[in-house]
Amino acid sequence: CKGASVSHSIVMPGAKVCEGASVAYAIIGAGAVIGNGARVGKEQSD
């Protein structure tokens, strides 16, 4: 959704990343919902 960010991640079928949420270095399972402004994982250096 608008304002959300997904980086270095896998978003599986039917999942939703809501407004303002951030997902980094993560696997989001099928049909999962990442709520507004939620944070999953973090940016990582090599």
PDB file of all heavy atoms in Angstrom:
ATOM      1  N   CYS A   1       0.812  -1.223   0.000  1.00  0.00           N
ATOM      2  CA  CYS A   1       0.000   0.000   0.000  1.00  0.00           C
ATOM      3  C   CYS A   1       0.847   1.276   0.000  1.00  0.00           C
ATOM      4  O   CYS A   1       2.072   1.239   0.172  1.00  0.00           O
ATOM      5  CB  CYS A   1      -0.931  -0.009   1.214  1.00  0.00           C
ATOM      6  SG  CYS A   1      -2.097  -1.391   1.216  1.00  0.00           S
ATOM      7  N   LYS A   2       0.168   2.390  -0.162  1.00  0.00           N
ATOM      8  CA  LYS A   2       0.815   3.703  -0.230  1.00  0.00           C
ATOM      9  C   LYS A   2       1.623   3.971   1.048  1.00  0.00           C
ATOM     10  O   LYS A   2       1.173   3.712   2.161  1.00  0.00           O
ATOM     11  CB  LYS A   2      -0.264   4.778  -0.384  1.00  0.00           C
ATOM     12  CG  LYS A   2       0.272   6.149  -0.740  1.00  0.00           C
ATOM     13  CD  LYS A   2      -0.881   7.088  -1.061  1.00  0.00           C
ATOM     14  CE  LYS A   2      -0.351   8.455  -1.464  1.00  0.00           C
ATOM     15  NZ  LYS A   2      -1.452   9.388  -1.807  1.00  0.00           N
ATOM     16  N   GLY A   3       2.839   4.444   0.856  1.00  0.00           N
ATOM     17  CA  GLY A   3       3.684   4.782   1.994  1.00  0.00           C
ATOM     18  C   GLY A   3       4.371   3.592   2.629  1.00  0.00           C
ATOM     19  O   GLY A   3       5.163   3.746   3.560  1.00  0.00           O
ATOM     20  N   ALA A   4       4.081   2.385   2.145  1.00  0.00           N
ATOM     21  CA  ALA A   4       4.739   1.176   2.669  1.00  0.00           C
ATOM     22  C   ALA A   4       6.033   0.933   1.913  1.00  0.00           C
ATOM     23  O   ALA A   4       6.190   1.362   0.765  1.00  0.00           O
ATOM     24  CB  ALA A   4       3.818  -0.029   2.530  1.00  0.00           C
ATOM     25  N   SER A   5       6.959   0.221   2.560  1.00  0.00           N
ATOM     26  CA  SER A   5       8.219  -0.121   1.889  1.00  0.00           C
ATOM     27  C   SER A   5       8.547  -1.586   2.127  1.00  0.00           C
ATOM     28  O   SER A   5       8.365  -2.114   3.223  1.00  0.00           O
ATOM     29  CB  SER A   5       9.358   0.759   2.396  1.00  0.00           C
ATOM     30  OG  SER A   5       9.645   0.483   3.750  1.00  0.00           O
ATOM     31  N   VAL A   6       9.034  -2.226   1.062  1.00  0.00           N
ATOM     32  CA  VAL A   6       9.447  -3.625   1.130  1.00  0.00           C
ATOM     33  C   VAL A   6      10.848  -3.718   0.539  1.00  0.00           C
ATOM     34  O   VAL A   6      11.074  -3.300  -0.597  1.00  0.00           O
ATOM     35  CB  VAL A   6       8.480  -4.545   0.349  1.00  0.00           C
ATOM     36  CG1 VAL A   6       8.973  -5.984   0.372  1.00  0.00           C
ATOM     37  CG2 VAL A   6       7.068  -4.457   0.918  1.00  0.00           C
ATOM     38  N   SER A   7      11.777  -4.266   1.314  1.00  0.00           N
ATOM     39  CA  SER A   7      13.171  -4.327   0.874  1.00  0.00           C
ATOM     40  C   SER A   7      13.764  -5.704   1.170  1.00  0.00           C
ATOM     41  O   SER A   7      13.588  -6.231   2.271  1.00  0.00           O
ATOM     42  CB  SER A   7      13.981  -3.238   1.604  1.00  0.00           C
ATOM     43  OG  SER A   7      15.366  -3.428   1.452  1.00  0.00           O
ATOM     44  N   HIS A   8      14.459  -6.287   0.173  1.00  0.00           N
ATOM     45  CA  HIS A   8      15.146  -7.570   0.351  1.00  0.00           C
ATOM     46  C   HIS A   8      14.237  -8.606   1.023  1.00  0.00           C
ATOM     47  O   HIS A   8      14.618  -9.265   1.993  1.00  0.00           O
ATOM     48  CB  HIS A   8      16.419  -7.385   1.192  1.00  0.00           C
ATOM     49  CG  HIS A   8      17.444  -6.510   0.525  1.00  0.00           C
ATOM     50  ND1 HIS A   8      17.420  -5.143   0.636  1.00  0.00           N
ATOM     51  CD2 HIS A   8      18.506  -6.818  -0.257  1.00  0.00           C
ATOM     52  CE1 HIS A   8      18.437  -4.632  -0.047  1.00  0.00           C
ATOM     53  NE2 HIS A   8      19.108  -5.618  -0.609  1.00  0.00           N
ATOM     54  N   SER A   9      13.027  -8.727   0.495  1.00  0.00           N
ATOM     55  CA  SER A   9      12.036  -9.595   1.147  1.00  0.00           C
ATOM     56  C   SER A   9      11.247 -10.408   0.134  1.00  0.00           C
ATOM     57  O   SER A   9      11.265 -10.132  -1.073  1.00  0.00           O
ATOM     58  CB  SER A   9      11.072  -8.759   1.996  1.00  0.00           C
ATOM     59  OG  SER A   9      11.750  -8.164   3.087  1.00  0.00           O
ATOM     60  N   ILE A  10      10.550 -11.417   0.657  1.00  0.00           N
ATOM     61  CA  ILE A  10       9.629 -12.234  -0.128  1.00  0.00           C
ATOM     62  C   ILE A  10       8.234 -12.010   0.443  1.00  0.00           C
ATOM     63  O   ILE A  10       8.004 -12.258   1.633  1.00  0.00           O
ATOM     64  CB  ILE A  10       9.974 -13.726  -0.033  1.00  0.00           C
ATOM     65  CG1 ILE A  10      11.441 -13.979  -0.387  1.00  0.00           C
ATOM     66  CG2 ILE A  10       9.055 -14.557  -0.920  1.00  0.00           C
ATOM     67  CD1 ILE A  10      11.969 -15.299   0.150  1.00  0.00           C
ATOM     68  N   VAL A  11       7.330 -11.538  -0.391  1.00  0.00           N
ATOM     69  CA  VAL A  11       5.932 -11.385   0.019  1.00  0.00           C
ATOM     70  C   VAL A  11       5.154 -12.456  -0.730  1.00  0.00           C
ATOM     71  O   VAL A  11       5.047 -12.421  -1.956  1.00  0.00           O
ATOM     72  CB  VAL A  11       5.405  -9.971  -0.294  1.00  0.00           C
ATOM     73  CG1 VAL A  11       3.940  -9.846   0.139  1.00  0.00           C
ATOM     74  CG2 VAL A  11       6.252  -8.910   0.408  1.00  0.00           C
ATOM     75  N   MET A  12       4.639 -13.434  -0.005  1.00  0.00           N
ATOM     76  CA  MET A  12       4.003 -14.597  -0.623  1.00  0.00           C
ATOM     77  C   MET A  12       2.562 -14.287  -1.061  1.00  0.00           C
ATOM     78  O   MET A  12       2.033 -13.216  -0.740  1.00  0.00           O
ATOM     79  CB  MET A  12       4.097 -15.786   0.322  1.00  0.00           C
ATOM     80  CG  MET A  12       5.546 -16.291   0.440  1.00  0.00           C
ATOM     81  SD  MET A  12       5.697 -17.864   1.289  1.00  0.00           S
ATOM     82  CE  MET A  12       7.379 -18.308   0.860  1.00  0.00           C
ATOM     83  N   PRO A  13       1.945 -15.195  -1.830  1.00  0.00           N
ATOM     84  CA  PRO A  13       0.658 -14.889  -2.463  1.00  0.00           C
ATOM     85  C   PRO A  13      -0.407 -14.359  -1.509  1.00  0.00           C
ATOM     86  O   PRO A  13      -0.609 -14.879  -0.410  1.00  0.00           O
ATOM     87  CB  PRO A  13       0.239 -16.240  -3.061  1.00  0.00           C
ATOM     88  CG  PRO A  13       1.530 -16.920  -3.355  1.00  0.00           C
ATOM     89  CD  PRO A  13       2.443 -16.526  -2.225  1.00  0.00           C
ATOM     90  N   GLY A  14      -1.096 -13.304  -1.961  1.00  0.00           N
ATOM     91  CA  GLY A  14      -2.235 -12.766  -1.232  1.00  0.00           C
ATOM     92  C   GLY A  14      -1.920 -12.003   0.035  1.00  0.00           C
ATOM     93  O   GLY A  14      -2.828 -11.570   0.745  1.00  0.00           O
ATOM     94  N   ALA A  15      -0.640 -11.796   0.347  1.00  0.00           N
ATOM     95  CA  ALA A  15      -0.282 -11.046   1.561  1.00  0.00           C
ATOM     96  C   ALA A  15      -0.459  -9.549   1.310  1.00  0.00           C
ATOM     97  O   ALA A  15      -0.446  -9.080   0.166  1.00  0.00           O
ATOM     98  CB  ALA A  15       1.150 -11.353   1.973  1.00  0.00           C
ATOM     99  N   LYS A  16      -0.602  -8.792   2.402  1.00  0.00           N
ATOM    100  CA  LYS A  16      -0.829  -7.349   2.278  1.00  0.00           C
ATOM    101  C   LYS A  16       0.076  -6.594   3.240  1.00  0.00           C
ATOM    102  O   LYS A  16       0.130  -6.903   4.437  1.00  0.00           O
ATOM    103  CB  LYS A  16      -2.295  -7.024   2.576  1.00  0.00           C
ATOM    104  CG  LYS A  16      -2.638  -5.539   2.446  1.00  0.00           C
ATOM    105  CD  LYS A  16      -4.135  -5.298   2.666  1.00  0.00           C
ATOM    106  CE  LYS A  16      -4.500  -3.825   2.482  1.00  0.00           C
ATOM    107  NZ  LYS A  16      -5.947  -3.594   2.657  1.00  0.00           N
ATOM    108  N   VAL A  17       0.790  -5.602   2.701  1.00  0.00           N
ATOM    109  CA  VAL A  17       1.605  -4.699   3.514  1.00  0.00           C
ATOM    110  C   VAL A  17       0.879  -3.354   3.513  1.00  0.00           C
ATOM    111  O   VAL A  17       0.808  -2.671   2.487  1.00  0.00           O
ATOM    112  CB  VAL A  17       3.037  -4.572   2.940  1.00  0.00           C
ATOM    113  CG1 VAL A  17       3.883  -3.679   3.840  1.00  0.00           C
ATOM    114  CG2 VAL A  17       3.687  -5.950   2.794  1.00  0.00           C
ATOM    115  N   CYS A  18       0.332  -2.984   4.662  1.00  0.00           N
ATOM    116  CA  CYS A  18      -0.565  -1.826   4.739  1.00  0.00           C
ATOM    117  C   CYS A  18       0.194  -0.490   4.767  1.00  0.00           C
ATOM    118  O   CYS A  18       1.430  -0.451   4.822  1.00  0.00           O
ATOM    119  CB  CYS A  18      -1.464  -1.946   5.966  1.00  0.00           C
ATOM    120  SG  CYS A  18      -2.563  -3.382   5.918  1.00  0.00           S
ATOM    121  N   GLU A  19      -0.549   0.595   4.751  1.00  0.00           N
ATOM    122  CA  GLU A  19       0.022   1.944   4.649  1.00  0.00           C
ATOM    123  C   GLU A  19       1.050   2.220   5.742  1.00  0.00           C
ATOM    124  O   GLU A  19       0.822   1.937   6.916  1.00  0.00           O
ATOM    125  CB  GLU A  19      -1.091   2.995   4.724  1.00  0.00           C
ATOM    126  CG  GLU A  19      -1.923   3.078   3.457  1.00  0.00           C
ATOM    127  CD  GLU A  19      -2.795   4.341   3.426  1.00  0.00           C
ATOM    128  OE1 GLU A  19      -2.449   5.316   4.119  1.00  0.00           O
ATOM    129  OE2 GLU A  19      -3.817   4.332   2.704  1.00  0.00           O
ATOM    130  N   GLY A  20       2.179   2.760   5.308  1.00  0.00           N
ATOM    131  CA  GLY A  20       3.210   3.182   6.247  1.00  0.00           C
ATOM    132  C   GLY A  20       4.004   2.061   6.883  1.00  0.00           C
ATOM    133  O   GLY A  20       4.908   2.315   7.693  1.00  0.00           O
ATOM    134  N   ALA A  21       3.706   0.810   6.542  1.00  0.00           N
ATOM    135  CA  ALA A  21       4.446  -0.324   7.123  1.00  0.00           C
ATOM    136  C   ALA A  21       5.788  -0.497   6.418  1.00  0.00           C
ATOM    137  O   ALA A  21       5.943  -0.121   5.252  1.00  0.00           O
ATOM    138  CB  ALA A  21       3.627  -1.605   7.010  1.00  0.00           C
ATOM    139  N   SER A  22       6.750  -1.080   7.128  1.00  0.00           N
ATOM    140  CA  SER A  22       8.047  -1.364   6.502  1.00  0.00           C
ATOM    141  C   SER A  22       8.408  -2.829   6.723  1.00  0.00           C
ATOM    142  O   SER A  22       8.223  -3.378   7.812  1.00  0.00           O
ATOM    143  CB  SER A  22       9.140  -0.457   7.073  1.00  0.00           C
ATOM    144  OG  SER A  22       9.417  -0.780   8.417  1.00  0.00           O
ATOM    145  N   VAL A  23       8.911  -3.442   5.664  1.00  0.00           N
ATOM    146  CA  VAL A  23       9.312  -4.853   5.688  1.00  0.00           C
ATOM    147  C   VAL A  23      10.711  -4.936   5.103  1.00  0.00           C
ATOM    148  O   VAL A  23      10.950  -4.454   3.995  1.00  0.00           O
ATOM    149  CB  VAL A  23       8.333  -5.721   4.858  1.00  0.00           C
ATOM    150  CG1 VAL A  23       8.845  -7.148   4.741  1.00  0.00           C
ATOM    151  CG2 VAL A  23       6.931  -5.694   5.461  1.00  0.00           C
ATOM    152  N   ALA A  24      11.649  -5.520   5.836  1.00  0.00           N
ATOM    153  CA  ALA A  24      13.028  -5.630   5.349  1.00  0.00           C
ATOM    154  C   ALA A  24      13.622  -6.967   5.772  1.00  0.00           C
ATOM    155  O   ALA A  24      13.452  -7.386   6.918  1.00  0.00           O
ATOM    156  CB  ALA A  24      13.878  -4.480   5.884  1.00  0.00           C
ATOM    157  N   TYR A  25      14.292  -7.628   4.836  1.00  0.00           N
ATOM    158  CA  TYR A  25      14.938  -8.917   5.110  1.00  0.00           C
ATOM    159  C   TYR A  25      13.963  -9.853   5.826  1.00  0.00           C
ATOM    160  O   TYR A  25      14.186 -10.289   6.950  1.00  0.00           O
ATOM    161  CB  TYR A  25      16.221  -8.711   5.920  1.00  0.00           C
ATOM    162  CG  TYR A  25      17.316  -8.057   5.105  1.00  0.00           C
ATOM    163  CD1 TYR A  25      17.377  -6.677   4.976  1.00  0.00           C
ATOM    164  CD2 TYR A  25      18.266  -8.821   4.441  1.00  0.00           C
ATOM    165  CE1 TYR A  25      18.360  -6.070   4.199  1.00  0.00           C
ATOM    166  CE2 TYR A  25      19.259  -8.222   3.673  1.00  0.00           C
ATOM    167  CZ  TYR A  25      19.299  -6.851   3.551  1.00  0.00           C
ATOM    168  OH  TYR A  25      20.271  -6.255   2.775  1.00  0.00           O
ATOM    169  N   ALA A  26      12.866 -10.139   5.118  1.00  0.00           N
ATOM    170  CA  ALA A  26      11.783 -10.919   5.740  1.00  0.00           C
ATOM    171  C   ALA A  26      11.098 -11.808   4.716  1.00  0.00           C
ATOM    172  O   ALA A  26      11.217 -11.603   3.502  1.00  0.00           O
ATOM    173  CB  ALA A  26      10.762  -9.977   6.379  1.00  0.00           C
ATOM    174  N   ILE A  27      10.384 -12.802   5.235  1.00  0.00           N
ATOM    175  CA  ILE A  27       9.468 -13.615   4.433  1.00  0.00           C
ATOM    176  C   ILE A  27       8.084 -13.434   5.033  1.00  0.00           C
ATOM    177  O   ILE A  27       7.861 -13.744   6.213  1.00  0.00           O
ATOM    178  CB  ILE A  27       9.863 -15.103   4.447  1.00  0.00           C
ATOM    179  CG1 ILE A  27      11.270 -15.306   3.886  1.00  0.00           C
ATOM    180  CG2 ILE A  27       8.850 -15.922   3.644  1.00  0.00           C
ATOM    181  CD1 ILE A  27      11.774 -16.753   3.958  1.00  0.00           C
ATOM    182  N   ILE A  28       7.168 -12.912   4.225  1.00  0.00           N
ATOM    183  CA  ILE A  28       5.786 -12.692   4.664  1.00  0.00           C
ATOM    184  C   ILE A  28       4.941 -13.818   4.071  1.00  0.00           C
ATOM    185  O   ILE A  28       4.817 -13.938   2.851  1.00  0.00           O
ATOM    186  CB  ILE A  28       5.256 -11.316   4.197  1.00  0.00           C
ATOM    187  CG1 ILE A  28       6.229 -10.191   4.571  1.00  0.00           C
ATOM    188  CG2 ILE A  28       3.864 -11.069   4.774  1.00  0.00           C
ATOM    189  CD1 ILE A  28       6.525 -10.061   6.046  1.00  0.00           C
ATOM    190  N   GLY A  29       4.368 -14.661   4.932  1.00  0.00           N
ATOM    191  CA  GLY A  29       3.620 -15.833   4.484  1.00  0.00           C
ATOM    192  C   GLY A  29       2.355 -15.482   3.718  1.00  0.00           C
ATOM    193  O   GLY A  29       1.832 -14.364   3.799  1.00  0.00           O
ATOM    194  N   ALA A  30       1.857 -16.461   2.963  1.00  0.00           N
ATOM    195  CA  ALA A  30       0.663 -16.263   2.136  1.00  0.00           C
ATOM    196  C   ALA A  30      -0.512 -15.780   2.979  1.00  0.00           C
ATOM    197  O   ALA A  30      -0.797 -16.316   4.043  1.00  0.00           O
ATOM    198  CB  ALA A  30       0.307 -17.565   1.433  1.00  0.00           C
ATOM    199  N   GLY A  31      -1.181 -14.726   2.497  1.00  0.00           N
ATOM    200  CA  GLY A  31      -2.381 -14.221   3.165  1.00  0.00           C
ATOM    201  C   GLY A  31      -2.142 -13.444   4.442  1.00  0.00           C
ATOM    202  O   GLY A  31      -3.098 -13.019   5.100  1.00  0.00           O
ATOM    203  N   ALA A  32      -0.880 -13.248   4.828  1.00  0.00           N
ATOM    204  CA  ALA A  32      -0.585 -12.475   6.048  1.00  0.00           C
ATOM    205  C   ALA A  32      -0.865 -10.994   5.813  1.00  0.00           C
ATOM    206  O   ALA A  32      -0.870 -10.514   4.669  1.00  0.00           O
ATOM    207  CB  ALA A  32       0.868 -12.677   6.464  1.00  0.00           C
ATOM    208  N   VAL A  33      -1.096 -10.266   6.900  1.00  0.00           N
ATOM    209  CA  VAL A  33      -1.339  -8.816   6.824  1.00  0.00           C
ATOM    210  C   VAL A  33      -0.370  -8.106   7.755  1.00  0.00           C
ATOM    211  O   VAL A  33      -0.273  -8.440   8.942  1.00  0.00           O
ATOM    212  CB  VAL A  33      -2.792  -8.476   7.230  1.00  0.00           C
ATOM    213  CG1 VAL A  33      -2.997  -6.963   7.218  1.00  0.00           C
ATOM    214  CG2 VAL A  33      -3.783  -9.161   6.289  1.00  0.00           C
ATOM    215  N   ILE A  34       0.355  -7.140   7.212  1.00  0.00           N
ATOM    216  CA  ILE A  34       1.249  -6.299   8.008  1.00  0.00           C
ATOM    217  C   ILE A  34       0.533  -4.969   8.201  1.00  0.00           C
ATOM    218  O   ILE A  34       0.329  -4.221   7.242  1.00  0.00           O
ATOM    219  CB  ILE A  34       2.616  -6.094   7.304  1.00  0.00           C
ATOM    220  CG1 ILE A  34       3.194  -7.442   6.812  1.00  0.00           C
ATOM    221  CG2 ILE A  34       3.580  -5.370   8.240  1.00  0.00           C
ATOM    222  CD1 ILE A  34       3.356  -8.495   7.884  1.00  0.00           C
ATOM    223  N   GLY A  35       0.115  -4.692   9.430  1.00  0.00           N
ATOM    224  CA  GLY A  35      -0.771  -3.562   9.715  1.00  0.00           C
ATOM    225  C   GLY A  35      -0.159  -2.196   9.436  1.00  0.00           C
ATOM    226  O   GLY A  35       1.056  -2.055   9.214  1.00  0.00           O
ATOM    227  N   ASN A  36      -1.011  -1.178   9.476  1.00  0.00           N
ATOM    228  CA  ASN A  36      -0.567   0.194   9.234  1.00  0.00           C
ATOM    229  C   ASN A  36       0.579   0.569  10.177  1.00  0.00           C
ATOM    230  O   ASN A  36       0.479   0.385  11.398  1.00  0.00           O
ATOM    231  CB  ASN A  36      -1.724   1.184   9.462  1.00  0.00           C
ATOM    232  CG  ASN A  36      -2.834   1.003   8.447  1.00  0.00           C
ATOM    233  OD1 ASN A  36      -2.585   0.841   7.262  1.00  0.00           O
ATOM    234  ND2 ASN A  36      -4.075   1.013   8.920  1.00  0.00           N
ATOM    235  N   GLY A  37       1.656   1.079   9.607  1.00  0.00           N
ATOM    236  CA  GLY A  37       2.772   1.561  10.413  1.00  0.00           C
ATOM    237  C   GLY A  37       3.567   0.488  11.126  1.00  0.00           C
ATOM    238  O   GLY A  37       4.455   0.797  11.930  1.00  0.00           O
ATOM    239  N   ALA A  38       3.264  -0.773  10.855  1.00  0.00           N
ATOM    240  CA  ALA A  38       4.002  -1.871  11.511  1.00  0.00           C
ATOM    241  C   ALA A  38       5.401  -2.000  10.902  1.00  0.00           C
ATOM    242  O   ALA A  38       5.653  -1.540   9.781  1.00  0.00           O
ATOM    243  CB  ALA A  38       3.245  -3.183  11.372  1.00  0.00           C
ATOM    244  N   ARG A  39       6.288  -2.654  11.647  1.00  0.00           N
ATOM    245  CA  ARG A  39       7.655  -2.879  11.141  1.00  0.00           C
ATOM    246  C   ARG A  39       8.014  -4.347  11.298  1.00  0.00           C
ATOM    247  O   ARG A  39       7.882  -4.910  12.384  1.00  0.00           O
ATOM    248  CB  ARG A  39       8.666  -2.009  11.893  1.00  0.00           C
ATOM    249  CG  ARG A  39      10.122  -2.284  11.461  1.00  0.00           C
ATOM    250  CD  ARG A  39      11.104  -1.316  12.090  1.00  0.00           C
ATOM    251  NE  ARG A  39      11.217  -1.421  13.535  1.00  0.00           N
ATOM    252  CZ  ARG A  39      11.881  -2.389  14.170  1.00  0.00           C
ATOM    253  NH1 ARG A  39      12.438  -3.377  13.489  1.00  0.00           N
ATOM    254  NH2 ARG A  39      11.969  -2.376  15.489  1.00  0.00           N
ATOM    255  N   VAL A  40       8.489  -4.937  10.201  1.00  0.00           N
ATOM    256  CA  VAL A  40       8.939  -6.331  10.210  1.00  0.00           C
ATOM    257  C   VAL A  40      10.385  -6.372   9.726  1.00  0.00           C
ATOM    258  O   VAL A  40      10.677  -5.959   8.602  1.00  0.00           O
ATOM    259  CB  VAL A  40       8.066  -7.226   9.306  1.00  0.00           C
ATOM    260  CG1 VAL A  40       8.607  -8.656   9.280  1.00  0.00           C
ATOM    261  CG2 VAL A  40       6.608  -7.211   9.760  1.00  0.00           C
ATOM    262  N   GLY A  41      11.296  -6.838  10.589  1.00  0.00           N
ATOM    263  CA  GLY A  41      12.704  -6.921  10.223  1.00  0.00           C
ATOM    264  C   GLY A  41      13.352  -5.550  10.166  1.00  0.00           C
ATOM    265  O   GLY A  41      12.747  -4.532  10.519  1.00  0.00           O
ATOM    266  N   LYS A  42      14.607  -5.544   9.711  1.00  0.00           N
ATOM    267  CA  LYS A  42      15.318  -4.271   9.576  1.00  0.00           C
ATOM    268  C   LYS A  42      16.374  -4.391   8.490  1.00  0.00           C
ATOM    269  O   LYS A  42      16.793  -5.489   8.112  1.00  0.00           O
ATOM    270  CB  LYS A  42      15.966  -3.881  10.896  1.00  0.00           C
ATOM    271  CG  LYS A  42      17.101  -4.783  11.333  1.00  0.00           C
ATOM    272  CD  LYS A  42      17.779  -4.267  12.598  1.00  0.00           C
ATOM    273  CE  LYS A  42      18.964  -5.150  12.981  1.00  0.00           C
ATOM    274  NZ  LYS A  42      19.639  -4.690  14.218  1.00  0.00           N
ATOM    275  N   GLU A  43      16.798  -3.239   7.957  1.00  0.00           N
ATOM    276  CA  GLU A  43      17.862  -3.223   6.960  1.00  0.00           C
ATOM    277  C   GLU A  43      19.143  -3.780   7.581  1.00  0.00           C
ATOM    278  O   GLU A  43      19.429  -3.543   8.758  1.00  0.00           O
ATOM    279  CB  GLU A  43      18.108  -1.791   6.466  1.00  0.00           C
ATOM    280  CG  GLU A  43      16.955  -1.216   5.654  1.00  0.00           C
ATOM    281  CD  GLU A  43      16.743  -1.922   4.320  1.00  0.00           C
ATOM    282  OE1 GLU A  43      17.672  -2.606   3.843  1.00  0.00           O
ATOM    283  OE2 GLU A  43      15.640  -1.805   3.759  1.00  0.00           O
ATOM    284  N   GLN A  44      19.910  -4.528   6.778  1.00  0.00           N
ATOM    285  CA  GLN A  44      21.120  -5.169   7.290  1.00  0.00           C
ATOM    286  C   GLN A  44      22.252  -5.027   6.282  1.00  0.00           C
ATOM    287  O   GLN A  44      22.025  -5.095   5.073  1.00  0.00           O
ATOM    288  CB  GLN A  44      20.860  -6.658   7.569  1.00  0.00           C
ATOM    289  CG  GLN A  44      19.780  -6.881   8.620  1.00  0.00           C
ATOM    290  CD  GLN A  44      19.399  -8.349   8.764  1.00  0.00           C
ATOM    291  OE1 GLN A  44      20.250  -9.230   8.760  1.00  0.00           O
ATOM    292  NE2 GLN A  44      18.096  -8.611   8.892  1.00  0.00           N
ATOM    293  N   SER A  45      23.455  -4.848   6.786  1.00  0.00           N
ATOM    294  CA  SER A  45      24.621  -4.816   5.911  1.00  0.00           C
ATOM    295  C   SER A  45      25.048  -6.248   5.621  1.00  0.00           C
ATOM    296  O   SER A  45      24.655  -7.181   6.326  1.00  0.00           O
ATOM    297  CB  SER A  45      25.765  -4.049   6.575  1.00  0.00           C
ATOM    298  OG  SER A  45      26.090  -4.633   7.820  1.00  0.00           O
ATOM    299  N   ASP A  46      25.850  -6.420   4.589  1.00  0.00           N
ATOM    300  CA  ASP A  46      26.294  -7.757   4.183  1.00  0.00           C
ATOM    301  C   ASP A  46      27.133  -8.393   5.288  1.00  0.00           C
ATOM    302  O   ASP A  46      28.191  -7.892   5.639  1.00  0.00           O
ATOM    303  CB  ASP A  46      27.114  -7.654   2.895  1.00  0.00           C
ATOM    304  CG  ASP A  46      27.444  -9.032   2.329  1.00  0.00           C
ATOM    305  OD1 ASP A  46      27.090 -10.028   2.976  1.00  0.00           O
ATOM    306  OD2 ASP A  46      28.053  -9.094   1.254  1.00  0.00           O
TER     307      ASP A  46
END
